[in-house]
Amino acid sequence: MYEMLKLQDVKVVRNRNIIVQDINWTVNSGENWVLLGPNGVGKSTLINIIAARRFPTKGKVTILGSELGKIDVFKLRQKIGILSNDLDNAFPNSLSAHEIVFSAAKGMMGSWGDERDKNIFEQKDYDKAEELLIMFGAKKIINRPWGVLSQGERKRVQMARTLMTDPDLLLFDEPTAGLDLAGREYVINTLTRLSSYDRDEDRKRAVILVNHNVEEIPPSFDKIALMGYLNEQTGTILYQGDIRQNLTSEKLTHAYGISLDVTRQPNLRYFASTSVIVSN
C-alpha cells in the first residue's frame, strides 16, 4: 500500500470567500472512497484540485507522488481518469464518441479530425477507445456526435474515457446526476465493477466517488470523507475513514444539518431518511 493522494491544510479562496479550509486527507492505493456532503460544500472544488485542474490557495497537495505546482499538470492528468458533469460542456458537440475517448490518450479534450491526428495518435489508441466503448455498451454510438447523445449515453462515453490511459487514480464527480432509475443503477453497477478491478494485483488504483446521496454509494466503497460546514459558506471534511464507522445517523445529521436516520440494506446499499415533517 502506498499514498496515491495527500492533501495537507488545503484552503481555497474564491472572490474573497473561503470555499473550503482545513482539508487534511490521505488516499492509499487499493482504496475506494466516497466524498459525501451537502450541495455547495466544496466537493467539486476538491475533486478539481485532485484532478490537477485547480490549485489550492494554500496548503500542499501531493498526487501520485508529485506535488501540485511542481510538476507538468498535463503529464499528471494522463494518470488520472475523471468523469465530471463540468466536462459535458467542454467537449465540442461535433466530436464523435470515439474521438472523445481516444483523445484522452494524449490528455486532450478532442481531436482535429484531419491529417494532424496521424502525427499524434497511434492505431492502438483508436483500437483501445473502440474496445472501451464496446465494454461500456456504447458500440452503437461510436461515431455519433456528442451533441446528440443523451445523458445516459454521455456517461458511458465518459466512463470509457476515464480508462483510456489505465489511470492510477479514478475520479467520478456525481456520475448519476441527471439519469433515470435504470441509468443510475447501470452506473452504480459499473462503479462496483471498476472499484473491484485488480484488487488482487500488486498495483492497485484508488477510486474516489463524489456524491450527495447515500443511496447511490456502491457496496464496494468502504471509505468515506464526509463534508460539512465550518460556517455558512466554508466547507471542510468533518469525518473520514471506515464507512461503517462514519456513515452514521449522528454524523450525517451533523453534516447535513437535519435529523437523518441511516440504515444499511441487505444488498449492502445505504438508505437515509428523516422523520421531520415540513408543513405548508
C-alpha atoms as a PDB file:
ATOM      1  CA  MET A   1       0.000   0.000   0.000  1.00  0.00           C
ATOM      2  CA  TYR A   2       1.268   3.475  -0.841  1.00  0.00           C
ATOM      3  CA  GLU A   3      -0.062   7.025  -0.873  1.00  0.00           C
ATOM      4  CA  MET A   4      -1.919   7.988  -4.043  1.00  0.00           C
ATOM      5  CA  LEU A   5      -3.163  11.320  -2.744  1.00  0.00           C
ATOM      6  CA  LYS A   6      -2.374  13.578   0.194  1.00  0.00           C
ATOM      7  CA  LEU A   7      -3.982  16.928   0.982  1.00  0.00           C
ATOM      8  CA  GLN A   8      -2.382  18.917   3.791  1.00  0.00           C
ATOM      9  CA  ASP A   9      -4.009  22.028   5.293  1.00  0.00           C
ATOM     10  CA  VAL A  10      -5.703  22.822   1.985  1.00  0.00           C
ATOM     11  CA  LYS A  11      -7.639  26.053   1.680  1.00  0.00           C
ATOM     12  CA  VAL A  12      -9.433  27.525  -1.332  1.00  0.00           C
ATOM     13  CA  VAL A  13     -10.492  31.171  -1.545  1.00  0.00           C
ATOM     14  CA  ARG A  14     -12.609  32.460  -4.406  1.00  0.00           C
ATOM     15  CA  ASN A  15     -13.745  36.098  -4.743  1.00  0.00           C
ATOM     16  CA  ARG A  16     -12.622  36.662  -1.137  1.00  0.00           C
ATOM     17  CA  ASN A  17     -14.897  33.856   0.057  1.00  0.00           C
ATOM     18  CA  ILE A  18     -13.341  30.825   1.746  1.00  0.00           C
ATOM     19  CA  ILE A  19     -14.806  27.830  -0.091  1.00  0.00           C
ATOM     20  CA  VAL A  20     -13.004  25.064   1.839  1.00  0.00           C
ATOM     21  CA  GLN A  21     -10.323  25.024   4.503  1.00  0.00           C
ATOM     22  CA  ASP A  22      -8.544  22.727   6.976  1.00  0.00           C
ATOM     23  CA  ILE A  23      -8.629  19.875   4.470  1.00  0.00           C
ATOM     24  CA  ASN A  24      -6.347  17.009   5.521  1.00  0.00           C
ATOM     25  CA  TRP A  25      -6.962  13.767   3.658  1.00  0.00           C
ATOM     26  CA  THR A  26      -4.872  10.795   2.556  1.00  0.00           C
ATOM     27  CA  VAL A  27      -5.950   8.185  -0.009  1.00  0.00           C
ATOM     28  CA  ASN A  28      -3.927   4.998  -0.402  1.00  0.00           C
ATOM     29  CA  SER A  29      -3.668   2.527  -3.251  1.00  0.00           C
ATOM     30  CA  GLY A  30      -6.480  -0.006  -3.433  1.00  0.00           C
ATOM     31  CA  GLU A  31      -8.916   2.207  -1.508  1.00  0.00           C
ATOM     32  CA  ASN A  32     -12.410   3.161  -2.686  1.00  0.00           C
ATOM     33  CA  TRP A  33     -13.560   6.460  -1.181  1.00  0.00           C
ATOM     34  CA  VAL A  34     -16.882   8.291  -1.206  1.00  0.00           C
ATOM     35  CA  LEU A  35     -16.662  12.075  -0.855  1.00  0.00           C
ATOM     36  CA  LEU A  36     -20.095  12.891   0.526  1.00  0.00           C
ATOM     37  CA  GLY A  37     -21.739  16.108   1.647  1.00  0.00           C
ATOM     38  CA  PRO A  38     -24.487  18.660   1.012  1.00  0.00           C
ATOM     39  CA  ASN A  39     -24.683  20.791  -2.120  1.00  0.00           C
ATOM     40  CA  GLY A  40     -22.274  23.726  -2.205  1.00  0.00           C
ATOM     41  CA  VAL A  41     -19.959  22.389   0.499  1.00  0.00           C
ATOM     42  CA  GLY A  42     -16.956  22.244  -1.857  1.00  0.00           C
ATOM     43  CA  LYS A  43     -16.895  18.655  -3.113  1.00  0.00           C
ATOM     44  CA  SER A  44     -16.401  19.614  -6.756  1.00  0.00           C
ATOM     45  CA  THR A  45     -13.750  22.163  -5.764  1.00  0.00           C
ATOM     46  CA  LEU A  46     -11.754  19.404  -4.085  1.00  0.00           C
ATOM     47  CA  ILE A  47     -12.187  16.984  -6.973  1.00  0.00           C
ATOM     48  CA  ASN A  48     -10.903  19.601  -9.420  1.00  0.00           C
ATOM     49  CA  ILE A  49      -7.801  20.025  -7.268  1.00  0.00           C
ATOM     50  CA  ILE A  50      -7.299  16.258  -7.106  1.00  0.00           C
ATOM     51  CA  ALA A  51      -7.703  16.117 -10.894  1.00  0.00           C
ATOM     52  CA  ALA A  52      -4.909  18.718 -11.235  1.00  0.00           C
ATOM     53  CA  ARG A  53      -7.345  21.180 -12.820  1.00  0.00           C
ATOM     54  CA  ARG A  54      -7.299  23.713  -9.994  1.00  0.00           C
ATOM     55  CA  PHE A  55      -4.671  24.845  -7.477  1.00  0.00           C
ATOM     56  CA  PRO A  56      -5.360  25.432  -3.784  1.00  0.00           C
ATOM     57  CA  THR A  57      -4.964  28.931  -2.390  1.00  0.00           C
ATOM     58  CA  LYS A  58      -2.961  27.493   0.491  1.00  0.00           C
ATOM     59  CA  GLY A  59      -1.758  24.068   1.518  1.00  0.00           C
ATOM     60  CA  LYS A  60       0.123  21.188  -0.065  1.00  0.00           C
ATOM     61  CA  VAL A  61      -1.337  18.654  -2.490  1.00  0.00           C
ATOM     62  CA  THR A  62       0.597  15.539  -3.481  1.00  0.00           C
ATOM     63  CA  ILE A  63      -0.911  13.466  -6.294  1.00  0.00           C
ATOM     64  CA  LEU A  64       0.630  10.137  -7.313  1.00  0.00           C
ATOM     65  CA  GLY A  65       3.887  11.116  -5.634  1.00  0.00           C
ATOM     66  CA  SER A  66       4.148  14.559  -7.269  1.00  0.00           C
ATOM     67  CA  GLU A  67       3.462  17.865  -5.568  1.00  0.00           C
ATOM     68  CA  LEU A  68       0.938  20.025  -7.356  1.00  0.00           C
ATOM     69  CA  GLY A  69       2.667  23.157  -8.609  1.00  0.00           C
ATOM     70  CA  LYS A  70       5.994  21.395  -9.103  1.00  0.00           C
ATOM     71  CA  ILE A  71       5.066  19.097 -11.983  1.00  0.00           C
ATOM     72  CA  ASP A  72       3.704  19.369 -15.527  1.00  0.00           C
ATOM     73  CA  VAL A  73      -0.034  19.060 -14.894  1.00  0.00           C
ATOM     74  CA  PHE A  74      -0.671  17.835 -18.440  1.00  0.00           C
ATOM     75  CA  LYS A  75       1.507  14.775 -17.822  1.00  0.00           C
ATOM     76  CA  LEU A  76      -0.084  14.279 -14.401  1.00  0.00           C
ATOM     77  CA  ARG A  77      -3.596  14.399 -15.848  1.00  0.00           C
ATOM     78  CA  GLN A  78      -2.794  11.442 -18.110  1.00  0.00           C
ATOM     79  CA  LYS A  79      -2.505   9.337 -14.947  1.00  0.00           C
ATOM     80  CA  ILE A  80      -5.902  10.459 -13.680  1.00  0.00           C
ATOM     81  CA  GLY A  81      -9.240   9.343 -15.080  1.00  0.00           C
ATOM     82  CA  ILE A  82     -12.136  11.712 -14.389  1.00  0.00           C
ATOM     83  CA  LEU A  83     -15.856  11.748 -15.085  1.00  0.00           C
ATOM     84  CA  SER A  84     -17.419  15.111 -14.355  1.00  0.00           C
ATOM     85  CA  ASN A  85     -20.585  16.933 -15.348  1.00  0.00           C
ATOM     86  CA  ASP A  86     -18.400  20.001 -15.857  1.00  0.00           C
ATOM     87  CA  LEU A  87     -16.811  18.236 -18.831  1.00  0.00           C
ATOM     88  CA  ASP A  88     -20.153  17.914 -20.623  1.00  0.00           C
ATOM     89  CA  ASN A  89     -19.830  21.439 -21.980  1.00  0.00           C
ATOM     90  CA  ALA A  90     -16.082  21.142 -22.555  1.00  0.00           C
ATOM     91  CA  PHE A  91     -16.387  18.708 -25.470  1.00  0.00           C
ATOM     92  CA  PRO A  92     -17.307  20.200 -28.871  1.00  0.00           C
ATOM     93  CA  ASN A  93     -20.735  18.962 -29.963  1.00  0.00           C
ATOM     94  CA  SER A  94     -19.369  17.918 -33.341  1.00  0.00           C
ATOM     95  CA  LEU A  95     -16.878  15.396 -31.939  1.00  0.00           C
ATOM     96  CA  SER A  96     -17.786  11.727 -32.114  1.00  0.00           C
ATOM     97  CA  ALA A  97     -17.873   9.492 -29.064  1.00  0.00           C
ATOM     98  CA  HIS A  98     -14.820   7.716 -30.473  1.00  0.00           C
ATOM     99  CA  GLU A  99     -12.828  10.960 -30.778  1.00  0.00           C
ATOM    100  CA  ILE A 100     -13.691  11.985 -27.232  1.00  0.00           C
ATOM    101  CA  VAL A 101     -12.397   8.696 -25.859  1.00  0.00           C
ATOM    102  CA  PHE A 102      -9.199   8.229 -27.871  1.00  0.00           C
ATOM    103  CA  SER A 103      -8.128  11.868 -27.395  1.00  0.00           C
ATOM    104  CA  ALA A 104      -7.706  11.116 -23.682  1.00  0.00           C
ATOM    105  CA  ALA A 105      -4.614   9.079 -24.614  1.00  0.00           C
ATOM    106  CA  LYS A 106      -2.731  12.383 -25.036  1.00  0.00           C
ATOM    107  CA  GLY A 107      -4.560  14.333 -22.347  1.00  0.00           C
ATOM    108  CA  MET A 108      -6.590  16.238 -24.945  1.00  0.00           C
ATOM    109  CA  MET A 109     -10.282  17.141 -24.979  1.00  0.00           C
ATOM    110  CA  GLY A 110     -10.787  16.042 -28.581  1.00  0.00           C
ATOM    111  CA  SER A 111      -9.113  15.580 -31.936  1.00  0.00           C
ATOM    112  CA  TRP A 112      -8.733  17.717 -35.050  1.00  0.00           C
ATOM    113  CA  GLY A 113     -10.390  15.069 -37.173  1.00  0.00           C
ATOM    114  CA  ASP A 114      -7.867  15.500 -40.002  1.00  0.00           C
ATOM    115  CA  GLU A 115      -4.328  14.583 -41.067  1.00  0.00           C
ATOM    116  CA  ARG A 116      -2.818  16.172 -37.960  1.00  0.00           C
ATOM    117  CA  ASP A 117      -4.200  13.332 -35.840  1.00  0.00           C
ATOM    118  CA  LYS A 118      -1.876  10.892 -37.586  1.00  0.00           C
ATOM    119  CA  ASN A 119       1.103  12.677 -36.023  1.00  0.00           C
ATOM    120  CA  ILE A 120      -0.378  12.489 -32.531  1.00  0.00           C
ATOM    121  CA  PHE A 121      -2.399   9.312 -32.140  1.00  0.00           C
ATOM    122  CA  GLU A 122      -1.457   5.724 -32.876  1.00  0.00           C
ATOM    123  CA  GLN A 123      -3.611   2.887 -34.167  1.00  0.00           C
ATOM    124  CA  LYS A 124      -3.562   1.334 -30.694  1.00  0.00           C
ATOM    125  CA  ASP A 125      -5.264   4.492 -29.371  1.00  0.00           C
ATOM    126  CA  TYR A 126      -8.121   4.159 -31.848  1.00  0.00           C
ATOM    127  CA  ASP A 127      -8.462   0.426 -31.156  1.00  0.00           C
ATOM    128  CA  LYS A 128      -8.452   0.789 -27.381  1.00  0.00           C
ATOM    129  CA  ALA A 129     -11.056   3.556 -27.481  1.00  0.00           C
ATOM    130  CA  GLU A 130     -13.341   1.342 -29.549  1.00  0.00           C
ATOM    131  CA  GLU A 131     -12.846  -1.595 -27.183  1.00  0.00           C
ATOM    132  CA  LEU A 132     -13.704   0.569 -24.169  1.00  0.00           C
ATOM    133  CA  LEU A 133     -16.830   1.968 -25.794  1.00  0.00           C
ATOM    134  CA  ILE A 134     -17.969  -1.548 -26.577  1.00  0.00           C
ATOM    135  CA  MET A 135     -17.225  -2.625 -22.996  1.00  0.00           C
ATOM    136  CA  PHE A 136     -19.499   0.123 -21.694  1.00  0.00           C
ATOM    137  CA  GLY A 137     -22.318  -0.772 -24.054  1.00  0.00           C
ATOM    138  CA  ALA A 138     -21.760   2.157 -26.402  1.00  0.00           C
ATOM    139  CA  LYS A 139     -20.973   0.302 -29.625  1.00  0.00           C
ATOM    140  CA  LYS A 140     -23.952   1.807 -31.482  1.00  0.00           C
ATOM    141  CA  ILE A 141     -22.909   5.390 -30.740  1.00  0.00           C
ATOM    142  CA  ILE A 142     -19.184   5.172 -31.528  1.00  0.00           C
ATOM    143  CA  ASN A 143     -19.485   7.547 -34.476  1.00  0.00           C
ATOM    144  CA  ARG A 144     -22.377   9.597 -33.146  1.00  0.00           C
ATOM    145  CA  PRO A 145     -21.719  13.317 -32.359  1.00  0.00           C
ATOM    146  CA  TRP A 146     -21.500  14.350 -28.729  1.00  0.00           C
ATOM    147  CA  GLY A 147     -24.147  16.997 -29.250  1.00  0.00           C
ATOM    148  CA  VAL A 148     -26.927  14.474 -29.938  1.00  0.00           C
ATOM    149  CA  LEU A 149     -26.120  11.998 -27.171  1.00  0.00           C
ATOM    150  CA  SER A 150     -28.468  11.525 -24.224  1.00  0.00           C
ATOM    151  CA  GLN A 151     -27.292  11.965 -20.632  1.00  0.00           C
ATOM    152  CA  GLY A 152     -27.026   8.208 -20.207  1.00  0.00           C
ATOM    153  CA  GLU A 153     -25.009   7.835 -23.406  1.00  0.00           C
ATOM    154  CA  ARG A 154     -22.679  10.645 -22.374  1.00  0.00           C
ATOM    155  CA  LYS A 155     -21.997   8.917 -19.054  1.00  0.00           C
ATOM    156  CA  ARG A 156     -20.986   5.740 -20.892  1.00  0.00           C
ATOM    157  CA  VAL A 157     -18.638   7.686 -23.159  1.00  0.00           C
ATOM    158  CA  GLN A 158     -17.058   9.500 -20.223  1.00  0.00           C
ATOM    159  CA  MET A 159     -16.614   6.229 -18.332  1.00  0.00           C
ATOM    160  CA  ALA A 160     -14.827   4.753 -21.326  1.00  0.00           C
ATOM    161  CA  ARG A 161     -12.637   7.871 -21.480  1.00  0.00           C
ATOM    162  CA  THR A 162     -11.635   7.534 -17.800  1.00  0.00           C
ATOM    163  CA  LEU A 163      -9.909   4.208 -18.523  1.00  0.00           C
ATOM    164  CA  MET A 164      -8.163   5.236 -21.738  1.00  0.00           C
ATOM    165  CA  THR A 165      -4.764   5.735 -20.075  1.00  0.00           C
ATOM    166  CA  ASP A 166      -5.053   2.929 -17.491  1.00  0.00           C
ATOM    167  CA  PRO A 167      -5.033   5.591 -14.752  1.00  0.00           C
ATOM    168  CA  ASP A 168      -3.804   5.036 -11.209  1.00  0.00           C
ATOM    169  CA  LEU A 169      -6.487   7.352  -9.845  1.00  0.00           C
ATOM    170  CA  LEU A 170     -10.149   7.327 -10.905  1.00  0.00           C
ATOM    171  CA  LEU A 171     -12.446  10.252 -10.056  1.00  0.00           C
ATOM    172  CA  PHE A 172     -16.218  10.233 -10.501  1.00  0.00           C
ATOM    173  CA  ASP A 173     -17.963  13.535  -9.772  1.00  0.00           C
ATOM    174  CA  GLU A 174     -21.691  12.861  -9.259  1.00  0.00           C
ATOM    175  CA  PRO A 175     -21.865  10.365 -12.154  1.00  0.00           C
ATOM    176  CA  THR A 176     -25.569   9.617 -11.631  1.00  0.00           C
ATOM    177  CA  ALA A 177     -26.732  13.251 -11.901  1.00  0.00           C
ATOM    178  CA  GLY A 178     -29.487  13.671 -14.480  1.00  0.00           C
ATOM    179  CA  LEU A 179     -30.031   9.939 -15.019  1.00  0.00           C
ATOM    180  CA  ASP A 180     -33.252   7.985 -14.719  1.00  0.00           C
ATOM    181  CA  LEU A 181     -33.567   4.943 -12.432  1.00  0.00           C
ATOM    182  CA  ALA A 182     -32.208   2.466 -14.984  1.00  0.00           C
ATOM    183  CA  GLY A 183     -29.295   4.743 -15.875  1.00  0.00           C
ATOM    184  CA  ARG A 184     -28.463   5.298 -12.225  1.00  0.00           C
ATOM    185  CA  GLU A 185     -28.354   1.572 -11.478  1.00  0.00           C
ATOM    186  CA  TYR A 186     -26.189   0.946 -14.543  1.00  0.00           C
ATOM    187  CA  VAL A 187     -23.653   3.499 -13.309  1.00  0.00           C
ATOM    188  CA  ILE A 188     -23.664   2.110  -9.752  1.00  0.00           C
ATOM    189  CA  ASN A 189     -23.112  -1.432 -11.019  1.00  0.00           C
ATOM    190  CA  THR A 190     -20.322  -0.220 -13.303  1.00  0.00           C
ATOM    191  CA  LEU A 191     -18.630   1.631 -10.436  1.00  0.00           C
ATOM    192  CA  THR A 192     -18.830  -1.514  -8.338  1.00  0.00           C
ATOM    193  CA  ARG A 193     -17.066  -3.432 -11.069  1.00  0.00           C
ATOM    194  CA  LEU A 194     -14.414  -0.762 -11.657  1.00  0.00           C
ATOM    195  CA  SER A 195     -13.660  -0.320  -7.966  1.00  0.00           C
ATOM    196  CA  SER A 196     -13.276  -4.083  -7.543  1.00  0.00           C
ATOM    197  CA  TYR A 197     -10.914  -4.385 -10.530  1.00  0.00           C
ATOM    198  CA  ASP A 198      -7.360  -5.653  -9.911  1.00  0.00           C
ATOM    199  CA  ARG A 199      -7.799  -5.857  -6.113  1.00  0.00           C
ATOM    200  CA  ASP A 200      -5.581  -8.934  -6.139  1.00  0.00           C
ATOM    201  CA  GLU A 201      -2.838  -7.236  -8.145  1.00  0.00           C
ATOM    202  CA  ASP A 202       0.248  -5.670  -6.564  1.00  0.00           C
ATOM    203  CA  ARG A 203      -0.526  -2.405  -8.346  1.00  0.00           C
ATOM    204  CA  LYS A 204      -3.897  -1.126  -7.167  1.00  0.00           C
ATOM    205  CA  ARG A 205      -5.602   2.037  -8.300  1.00  0.00           C
ATOM    206  CA  ALA A 206      -7.590   4.285  -5.998  1.00  0.00           C
ATOM    207  CA  VAL A 207     -11.151   5.369  -6.738  1.00  0.00           C
ATOM    208  CA  ILE A 208     -12.933   8.463  -5.424  1.00  0.00           C
ATOM    209  CA  LEU A 209     -16.673   8.929  -5.912  1.00  0.00           C
ATOM    210  CA  VAL A 210     -18.242  12.338  -5.241  1.00  0.00           C
ATOM    211  CA  ASN A 211     -21.898  12.195  -4.271  1.00  0.00           C
ATOM    212  CA  HIS A 212     -24.555  13.661  -2.018  1.00  0.00           C
ATOM    213  CA  ASN A 213     -26.988  10.710  -1.903  1.00  0.00           C
ATOM    214  CA  VAL A 214     -26.135   7.748   0.325  1.00  0.00           C
ATOM    215  CA  GLU A 215     -28.473   5.537  -1.715  1.00  0.00           C
ATOM    216  CA  GLU A 216     -26.094   5.791  -4.659  1.00  0.00           C
ATOM    217  CA  ILE A 217     -22.986   4.533  -2.859  1.00  0.00           C
ATOM    218  CA  PRO A 218     -21.843   1.250  -4.467  1.00  0.00           C
ATOM    219  CA  PRO A 219     -21.378  -1.577  -1.946  1.00  0.00           C
ATOM    220  CA  SER A 220     -17.696  -1.924  -2.892  1.00  0.00           C
ATOM    221  CA  PHE A 221     -16.861   1.517  -1.431  1.00  0.00           C
ATOM    222  CA  ASP A 222     -15.622   1.097   2.128  1.00  0.00           C
ATOM    223  CA  LYS A 223     -14.099   4.518   2.920  1.00  0.00           C
ATOM    224  CA  ILE A 224     -15.818   7.868   3.332  1.00  0.00           C
ATOM    225  CA  ALA A 225     -14.848  11.520   3.668  1.00  0.00           C
ATOM    226  CA  LEU A 226     -17.944  13.278   4.997  1.00  0.00           C
ATOM    227  CA  MET A 227     -18.006  17.019   4.396  1.00  0.00           C
ATOM    228  CA  GLY A 228     -19.960  19.681   6.222  1.00  0.00           C
ATOM    229  CA  TYR A 229     -19.810  23.400   7.002  1.00  0.00           C
ATOM    230  CA  LEU A 230     -17.497  25.227   9.378  1.00  0.00           C
ATOM    231  CA  ASN A 231     -19.750  28.265   8.909  1.00  0.00           C
ATOM    232  CA  GLU A 232     -22.415  29.366   6.430  1.00  0.00           C
ATOM    233  CA  GLN A 233     -20.129  29.247   3.398  1.00  0.00           C
ATOM    234  CA  THR A 234     -16.948  27.321   4.256  1.00  0.00           C
ATOM    235  CA  GLY A 235     -16.767  23.571   3.868  1.00  0.00           C
ATOM    236  CA  THR A 236     -14.382  21.019   5.370  1.00  0.00           C
ATOM    237  CA  ILE A 237     -14.087  17.282   5.967  1.00  0.00           C
ATOM    238  CA  LEU A 238     -15.806  16.574   9.271  1.00  0.00           C
ATOM    239  CA  TYR A 239     -15.308  12.804   9.394  1.00  0.00           C
ATOM    240  CA  GLN A 240     -13.235  10.317   7.434  1.00  0.00           C
ATOM    241  CA  GLY A 241     -12.248   6.673   7.458  1.00  0.00           C
ATOM    242  CA  ASP A 242     -14.186   3.394   7.523  1.00  0.00           C
ATOM    243  CA  ILE A 243     -17.644   3.899   6.052  1.00  0.00           C
ATOM    244  CA  ARG A 244     -19.386   1.765   8.671  1.00  0.00           C
ATOM    245  CA  GLN A 245     -17.993   3.909  11.476  1.00  0.00           C
ATOM    246  CA  ASN A 246     -18.517   7.274   9.814  1.00  0.00           C
ATOM    247  CA  LEU A 247     -21.730   6.947   7.817  1.00  0.00           C
ATOM    248  CA  THR A 248     -23.952   7.010  10.889  1.00  0.00           C
ATOM    249  CA  SER A 249     -27.190   8.788  11.701  1.00  0.00           C
ATOM    250  CA  GLU A 250     -25.444  11.092  14.181  1.00  0.00           C
ATOM    251  CA  LYS A 251     -22.624  12.105  11.847  1.00  0.00           C
ATOM    252  CA  LEU A 252     -24.857  12.503   8.795  1.00  0.00           C
ATOM    253  CA  THR A 253     -27.246  14.671  10.833  1.00  0.00           C
ATOM    254  CA  HIS A 254     -24.298  16.874  11.829  1.00  0.00           C
ATOM    255  CA  ALA A 255     -23.056  17.179   8.238  1.00  0.00           C
ATOM    256  CA  TYR A 256     -26.420  17.963   6.626  1.00  0.00           C
ATOM    257  CA  GLY A 257     -27.987  19.967   9.449  1.00  0.00           C
ATOM    258  CA  ILE A 258     -31.190  17.926   9.530  1.00  0.00           C
ATOM    259  CA  SER A 259     -32.239  14.909  11.551  1.00  0.00           C
ATOM    260  CA  LEU A 260     -31.401  11.821   9.482  1.00  0.00           C
ATOM    261  CA  ASP A 261     -31.616   8.095  10.107  1.00  0.00           C
ATOM    262  CA  VAL A 262     -29.174   5.853   8.213  1.00  0.00           C
ATOM    263  CA  THR A 263     -29.789   2.158   7.580  1.00  0.00           C
ATOM    264  CA  ARG A 264     -27.857  -0.415   5.591  1.00  0.00           C
ATOM    265  CA  GLN A 265     -29.941  -2.589   3.298  1.00  0.00           C
ATOM    266  CA  PRO A 266     -29.479  -6.374   2.773  1.00  0.00           C
ATOM    267  CA  ASN A 267     -27.779  -5.624  -0.582  1.00  0.00           C
ATOM    268  CA  LEU A 268     -25.189  -3.548   1.352  1.00  0.00           C
ATOM    269  CA  ARG A 269     -26.578  -0.275  -0.035  1.00  0.00           C
ATOM    270  CA  TYR A 270     -27.317   2.558   2.383  1.00  0.00           C
ATOM    271  CA  PHE A 271     -30.551   4.466   2.851  1.00  0.00           C
ATOM    272  CA  ALA A 272     -31.148   7.756   4.657  1.00  0.00           C
ATOM    273  CA  SER A 273     -34.483   9.222   5.725  1.00  0.00           C
ATOM    274  CA  THR A 274     -35.830  11.878   8.057  1.00  0.00           C
ATOM    275  CA  SER A 275     -38.792  11.873  10.399  1.00  0.00           C
ATOM    276  CA  VAL A 276     -39.097  15.645  10.136  1.00  0.00           C
ATOM    277  CA  ILE A 277     -42.382  16.669   8.530  1.00  0.00           C
ATOM    278  CA  VAL A 278     -42.472  20.062   6.834  1.00  0.00           C
ATOM    279  CA  SER A 279     -45.967  21.582   6.827  1.00  0.00           C
ATOM    280  CA  ASN A 280     -47.179  24.261   4.454  1.00  0.00           C
END
